[in-house]
Amino acid sequence: MIIAIPASADKTDALIDERFGRCPFFCFYNNQTASHTFKKNDLKDAPGGVGLQVAEFLANNGVSRVFAVEIGPKAEGVLKQMKIKINPVDAGQTVANVINMLNH
């Protein structure tokens, strides 16, 4: 399963970015291979409808779950339509915190 985590930088010790659609990076973590990769969020500066576009971007990258501090209602609706499970996390967590939680 591929899990997406909005990240403030492209490293695992980065904080989870509280701006789901406008985060600078997404960490894609594969829990079957215990590997991760970061992809730049080229949609973060789009004028509008960012959450919807990001939801499609995640679906196109095979994401099954998202761990995020907050997701807007429109993006949440699209994620649910695409069968992507949403898991809330507390602000101040790092990407590594979520990965470690998934491995235990």
N, C-alpha and C. Protein backbone atom coordinates (compact mmCIF):
# COMPACT_ATOMS: atom_id res chain seq x y z
N MET A 1 0.83 -1.17 0.00
CA MET A 1 0.00 0.00 0.00
C MET A 1 0.89 1.24 0.00
N ILE A 2 0.50 2.24 -0.77
CA ILE A 2 1.25 3.49 -0.82
C ILE A 2 0.51 4.53 0.01
N ILE A 3 1.26 5.17 0.88
CA ILE A 3 0.73 6.16 1.81
C ILE A 3 1.34 7.51 1.48
N ALA A 4 0.53 8.55 1.44
CA ALA A 4 1.01 9.91 1.17
C ALA A 4 1.00 10.72 2.45
N ILE A 5 2.08 11.49 2.64
CA ILE A 5 2.21 12.36 3.79
C ILE A 5 2.66 13.73 3.28
N PRO A 6 1.86 14.80 3.48
CA PRO A 6 2.29 16.13 3.06
C PRO A 6 3.47 16.59 3.91
N ALA A 7 4.56 16.99 3.27
CA ALA A 7 5.79 17.30 3.99
C ALA A 7 6.25 18.73 3.70
N SER A 8 6.86 19.33 4.73
CA SER A 8 7.36 20.70 4.59
C SER A 8 8.71 20.75 3.87
N ALA A 9 9.38 19.61 3.75
CA ALA A 9 10.66 19.50 3.03
C ALA A 9 10.80 18.05 2.54
N ASP A 10 11.79 17.82 1.70
CA ASP A 10 11.95 16.48 1.12
C ASP A 10 12.91 15.61 1.93
N LYS A 11 12.61 15.49 3.23
CA LYS A 11 13.40 14.64 4.12
C LYS A 11 12.50 14.12 5.23
N THR A 12 12.83 12.98 5.79
CA THR A 12 11.94 12.34 6.76
C THR A 12 11.86 13.08 8.09
N ASP A 13 12.85 13.91 8.42
CA ASP A 13 12.75 14.66 9.67
C ASP A 13 11.99 15.98 9.51
N ALA A 14 11.42 16.19 8.33
CA ALA A 14 10.60 17.38 8.08
C ALA A 14 9.25 17.24 8.79
N LEU A 15 8.70 18.38 9.18
CA LEU A 15 7.37 18.38 9.78
C LEU A 15 6.32 18.06 8.71
N ILE A 16 5.24 17.43 9.15
CA ILE A 16 4.10 17.25 8.26
C ILE A 16 3.52 18.63 8.00
N ASP A 17 3.39 18.97 6.74
CA ASP A 17 2.88 20.29 6.39
C ASP A 17 1.38 20.34 6.65
N GLU A 18 0.94 21.37 7.33
CA GLU A 18 -0.48 21.49 7.67
C GLU A 18 -1.34 21.89 6.48
N ARG A 19 -0.71 22.34 5.39
CA ARG A 19 -1.45 22.75 4.19
C ARG A 19 -1.47 21.59 3.20
N PHE A 20 -2.45 20.74 3.29
CA PHE A 20 -2.52 19.53 2.46
C PHE A 20 -2.28 19.83 0.98
N GLY A 21 -3.11 20.65 0.38
CA GLY A 21 -3.01 20.90 -1.05
C GLY A 21 -1.85 21.79 -1.44
N ARG A 22 -1.36 22.58 -0.52
CA ARG A 22 -0.30 23.54 -0.83
C ARG A 22 1.04 23.20 -0.17
N CYS A 23 1.17 21.96 0.26
CA CYS A 23 2.46 21.54 0.83
C CYS A 23 3.51 21.51 -0.27
N PRO A 24 4.78 21.75 0.05
CA PRO A 24 5.80 21.74 -0.99
C PRO A 24 6.16 20.34 -1.51
N PHE A 25 6.00 19.32 -0.67
CA PHE A 25 6.37 17.95 -1.05
C PHE A 25 5.36 16.95 -0.49
N PHE A 26 5.31 15.80 -1.12
CA PHE A 26 4.60 14.65 -0.57
C PHE A 26 5.61 13.54 -0.41
N CYS A 27 5.56 12.89 0.75
CA CYS A 27 6.33 11.67 0.95
C CYS A 27 5.41 10.52 0.58
N PHE A 28 5.86 9.66 -0.31
CA PHE A 28 5.13 8.45 -0.67
C PHE A 28 5.84 7.29 -0.01
N TYR A 29 5.16 6.67 0.94
CA TYR A 29 5.74 5.56 1.69
C TYR A 29 5.05 4.26 1.29
N ASN A 30 5.84 3.27 0.90
CA ASN A 30 5.31 1.97 0.52
C ASN A 30 5.52 1.04 1.72
N ASN A 31 4.43 0.67 2.38
CA ASN A 31 4.58 -0.13 3.59
C ASN A 31 4.93 -1.59 3.31
N GLN A 32 4.82 -2.04 2.07
CA GLN A 32 5.19 -3.41 1.73
C GLN A 32 6.70 -3.55 1.54
N THR A 33 7.32 -2.49 1.01
CA THR A 33 8.77 -2.54 0.79
C THR A 33 9.53 -1.71 1.82
N ALA A 34 8.80 -1.02 2.68
CA ALA A 34 9.39 -0.12 3.70
C ALA A 34 10.30 0.92 3.06
N SER A 35 9.89 1.40 1.89
CA SER A 35 10.69 2.41 1.19
C SER A 35 9.85 3.67 1.02
N HIS A 36 10.55 4.78 0.83
CA HIS A 36 9.84 6.04 0.64
C HIS A 36 10.55 6.87 -0.44
N THR A 37 9.77 7.77 -1.00
CA THR A 37 10.30 8.71 -1.97
C THR A 37 9.54 10.02 -1.79
N PHE A 38 10.17 11.11 -2.17
CA PHE A 38 9.52 12.41 -2.09
C PHE A 38 9.27 12.93 -3.49
N LYS A 39 8.11 13.53 -3.67
CA LYS A 39 7.76 14.16 -4.95
C LYS A 39 7.36 15.59 -4.67
N LYS A 40 7.87 16.48 -5.48
CA LYS A 40 7.53 17.89 -5.37
C LYS A 40 6.06 18.09 -5.75
N ASN A 41 5.38 18.94 -5.00
CA ASN A 41 3.98 19.25 -5.28
C ASN A 41 3.95 20.46 -6.22
N ASP A 42 3.91 20.20 -7.50
CA ASP A 42 3.88 21.27 -8.50
C ASP A 42 2.55 22.01 -8.52
N LEU A 43 1.56 21.51 -7.80
CA LEU A 43 0.23 22.13 -7.79
C LEU A 43 0.08 23.16 -6.68
N LYS A 44 1.08 23.28 -5.80
CA LYS A 44 0.93 24.11 -4.59
C LYS A 44 0.68 25.59 -4.89
N ASP A 45 1.10 26.08 -6.05
CA ASP A 45 0.91 27.49 -6.38
C ASP A 45 -0.21 27.73 -7.38
N ALA A 46 -0.99 26.70 -7.66
CA ALA A 46 -2.11 26.85 -8.60
C ALA A 46 -3.13 27.84 -8.01
N PRO A 47 -3.83 28.57 -8.86
CA PRO A 47 -4.74 29.61 -8.36
C PRO A 47 -5.95 29.10 -7.58
N GLY A 48 -6.48 27.97 -7.93
CA GLY A 48 -7.68 27.49 -7.23
C GLY A 48 -7.92 26.02 -7.50
N GLY A 49 -8.75 25.40 -6.68
CA GLY A 49 -9.06 23.99 -6.87
C GLY A 49 -7.89 23.08 -6.60
N VAL A 50 -6.96 23.54 -5.78
CA VAL A 50 -5.73 22.80 -5.55
C VAL A 50 -6.00 21.45 -4.88
N GLY A 51 -6.86 21.44 -3.88
CA GLY A 51 -7.15 20.19 -3.17
C GLY A 51 -7.67 19.11 -4.08
N LEU A 52 -8.54 19.49 -5.00
CA LEU A 52 -9.09 18.53 -5.96
C LEU A 52 -8.00 17.98 -6.87
N GLN A 53 -7.15 18.88 -7.36
CA GLN A 53 -6.07 18.46 -8.26
C GLN A 53 -5.07 17.56 -7.53
N VAL A 54 -4.78 17.90 -6.27
CA VAL A 54 -3.84 17.10 -5.49
C VAL A 54 -4.43 15.71 -5.23
N ALA A 55 -5.72 15.63 -4.96
CA ALA A 55 -6.36 14.34 -4.75
C ALA A 55 -6.20 13.46 -6.00
N GLU A 56 -6.37 14.04 -7.17
CA GLU A 56 -6.17 13.31 -8.42
C GLU A 56 -4.72 12.90 -8.59
N PHE A 57 -3.79 13.80 -8.26
CA PHE A 57 -2.36 13.51 -8.32
C PHE A 57 -2.02 12.30 -7.43
N LEU A 58 -2.57 12.29 -6.22
CA LEU A 58 -2.31 11.17 -5.31
C LEU A 58 -2.88 9.87 -5.86
N ALA A 59 -4.10 9.93 -6.37
CA ALA A 59 -4.72 8.73 -6.94
C ALA A 59 -3.91 8.20 -8.11
N ASN A 60 -3.41 9.11 -8.95
CA ASN A 60 -2.60 8.71 -10.11
C ASN A 60 -1.26 8.11 -9.70
N ASN A 61 -0.84 8.36 -8.46
CA ASN A 61 0.40 7.78 -7.94
C ASN A 61 0.15 6.54 -7.09
N GLY A 62 -1.06 6.01 -7.14
CA GLY A 62 -1.38 4.75 -6.48
C GLY A 62 -1.57 4.84 -4.98
N VAL A 63 -1.83 6.02 -4.46
CA VAL A 63 -1.98 6.21 -3.02
C VAL A 63 -3.29 5.58 -2.53
N SER A 64 -3.20 4.86 -1.40
CA SER A 64 -4.38 4.24 -0.78
C SER A 64 -4.79 4.93 0.51
N ARG A 65 -3.81 5.60 1.16
CA ARG A 65 -4.07 6.29 2.43
C ARG A 65 -3.31 7.60 2.46
N VAL A 66 -3.90 8.58 3.17
CA VAL A 66 -3.26 9.87 3.38
C VAL A 66 -3.24 10.14 4.87
N PHE A 67 -2.09 10.57 5.37
CA PHE A 67 -1.97 11.03 6.75
C PHE A 67 -1.76 12.53 6.68
N ALA A 68 -2.69 13.31 7.24
CA ALA A 68 -2.61 14.76 7.14
C ALA A 68 -3.21 15.42 8.37
N VAL A 69 -2.75 16.63 8.65
CA VAL A 69 -3.27 17.41 9.77
C VAL A 69 -4.70 17.85 9.46
N GLU A 70 -4.90 18.38 8.27
CA GLU A 70 -6.22 18.87 7.87
C GLU A 70 -6.38 18.78 6.36
N ILE A 71 -7.56 18.42 5.93
CA ILE A 71 -7.87 18.34 4.50
C ILE A 71 -9.19 19.08 4.31
N GLY A 72 -9.22 19.95 3.31
CA GLY A 72 -10.43 20.71 3.03
C GLY A 72 -11.58 19.80 2.61
N PRO A 73 -12.82 20.29 2.75
CA PRO A 73 -13.99 19.45 2.47
C PRO A 73 -14.09 18.97 1.02
N LYS A 74 -13.71 19.80 0.08
CA LYS A 74 -13.79 19.38 -1.33
C LYS A 74 -12.77 18.28 -1.62
N ALA A 75 -11.52 18.49 -1.16
CA ALA A 75 -10.49 17.48 -1.36
C ALA A 75 -10.85 16.19 -0.64
N GLU A 76 -11.41 16.33 0.56
CA GLU A 76 -11.82 15.15 1.33
C GLU A 76 -12.86 14.34 0.56
N GLY A 77 -13.81 15.04 -0.04
CA GLY A 77 -14.84 14.37 -0.83
C GLY A 77 -14.26 13.60 -2.00
N VAL A 78 -13.30 14.22 -2.70
CA VAL A 78 -12.68 13.57 -3.86
C VAL A 78 -11.86 12.37 -3.40
N LEU A 79 -11.11 12.52 -2.31
CA LEU A 79 -10.31 11.40 -1.79
C LEU A 79 -11.22 10.21 -1.45
N LYS A 80 -12.34 10.50 -0.81
CA LYS A 80 -13.27 9.43 -0.44
C LYS A 80 -13.86 8.77 -1.69
N GLN A 81 -14.17 9.58 -2.71
CA GLN A 81 -14.69 9.02 -3.98
C GLN A 81 -13.67 8.09 -4.61
N MET A 82 -12.40 8.43 -4.45
CA MET A 82 -11.32 7.64 -5.05
C MET A 82 -10.87 6.50 -4.13
N LYS A 83 -11.62 6.30 -3.04
CA LYS A 83 -11.34 5.22 -2.09
C LYS A 83 -9.98 5.36 -1.41
N ILE A 84 -9.56 6.61 -1.21
CA ILE A 84 -8.31 6.88 -0.48
C ILE A 84 -8.69 7.20 0.96
N LYS A 85 -8.19 6.39 1.89
CA LYS A 85 -8.52 6.55 3.30
C LYS A 85 -7.74 7.72 3.89
N ILE A 86 -8.43 8.49 4.73
CA ILE A 86 -7.82 9.67 5.36
C ILE A 86 -7.58 9.38 6.83
N ASN A 87 -6.34 9.59 7.27
CA ASN A 87 -5.98 9.41 8.67
C ASN A 87 -5.49 10.74 9.22
N PRO A 88 -6.19 11.30 10.20
CA PRO A 88 -5.73 12.56 10.79
C PRO A 88 -4.51 12.35 11.69
N VAL A 89 -3.62 13.34 11.68
CA VAL A 89 -2.46 13.34 12.57
C VAL A 89 -2.38 14.70 13.25
N ASP A 90 -1.74 14.73 14.38
CA ASP A 90 -1.58 15.98 15.12
C ASP A 90 -0.52 16.86 14.48
N ALA A 91 -0.72 18.16 14.56
CA ALA A 91 0.29 19.11 14.08
C ALA A 91 1.56 18.91 14.89
N GLY A 92 2.70 19.19 14.27
CA GLY A 92 3.98 19.08 14.95
C GLY A 92 4.65 17.73 14.79
N GLN A 93 3.99 16.80 14.12
CA GLN A 93 4.59 15.48 13.86
C GLN A 93 5.55 15.59 12.68
N THR A 94 6.53 14.71 12.65
CA THR A 94 7.42 14.64 11.49
C THR A 94 6.97 13.50 10.58
N VAL A 95 7.47 13.51 9.38
CA VAL A 95 7.21 12.42 8.44
C VAL A 95 7.70 11.11 9.05
N ALA A 96 8.88 11.16 9.68
CA ALA A 96 9.45 9.96 10.31
C ALA A 96 8.54 9.42 11.40
N ASN A 97 7.86 10.29 12.16
CA ASN A 97 6.93 9.83 13.20
C ASN A 97 5.85 8.94 12.60
N VAL A 98 5.29 9.37 11.47
CA VAL A 98 4.23 8.60 10.82
C VAL A 98 4.79 7.29 10.29
N ILE A 99 5.94 7.34 9.65
CA ILE A 99 6.55 6.10 9.11
C ILE A 99 6.82 5.13 10.24
N ASN A 100 7.38 5.62 11.35
CA ASN A 100 7.66 4.74 12.48
C ASN A 100 6.37 4.13 13.06
N MET A 101 5.32 4.93 13.12
CA MET A 101 4.04 4.44 13.61
C MET A 101 3.52 3.33 12.70
N LEU A 102 3.69 3.48 11.41
CA LEU A 102 3.21 2.47 10.46
C LEU A 102 3.99 1.17 10.56
N ASN A 103 5.22 1.25 11.02
CA ASN A 103 6.07 0.06 11.12
C ASN A 103 5.94 -0.67 12.45
N HIS A 104 5.08 -0.18 13.32
CA HIS A 104 4.93 -0.83 14.62
C HIS A 104 3.52 -1.31 14.85
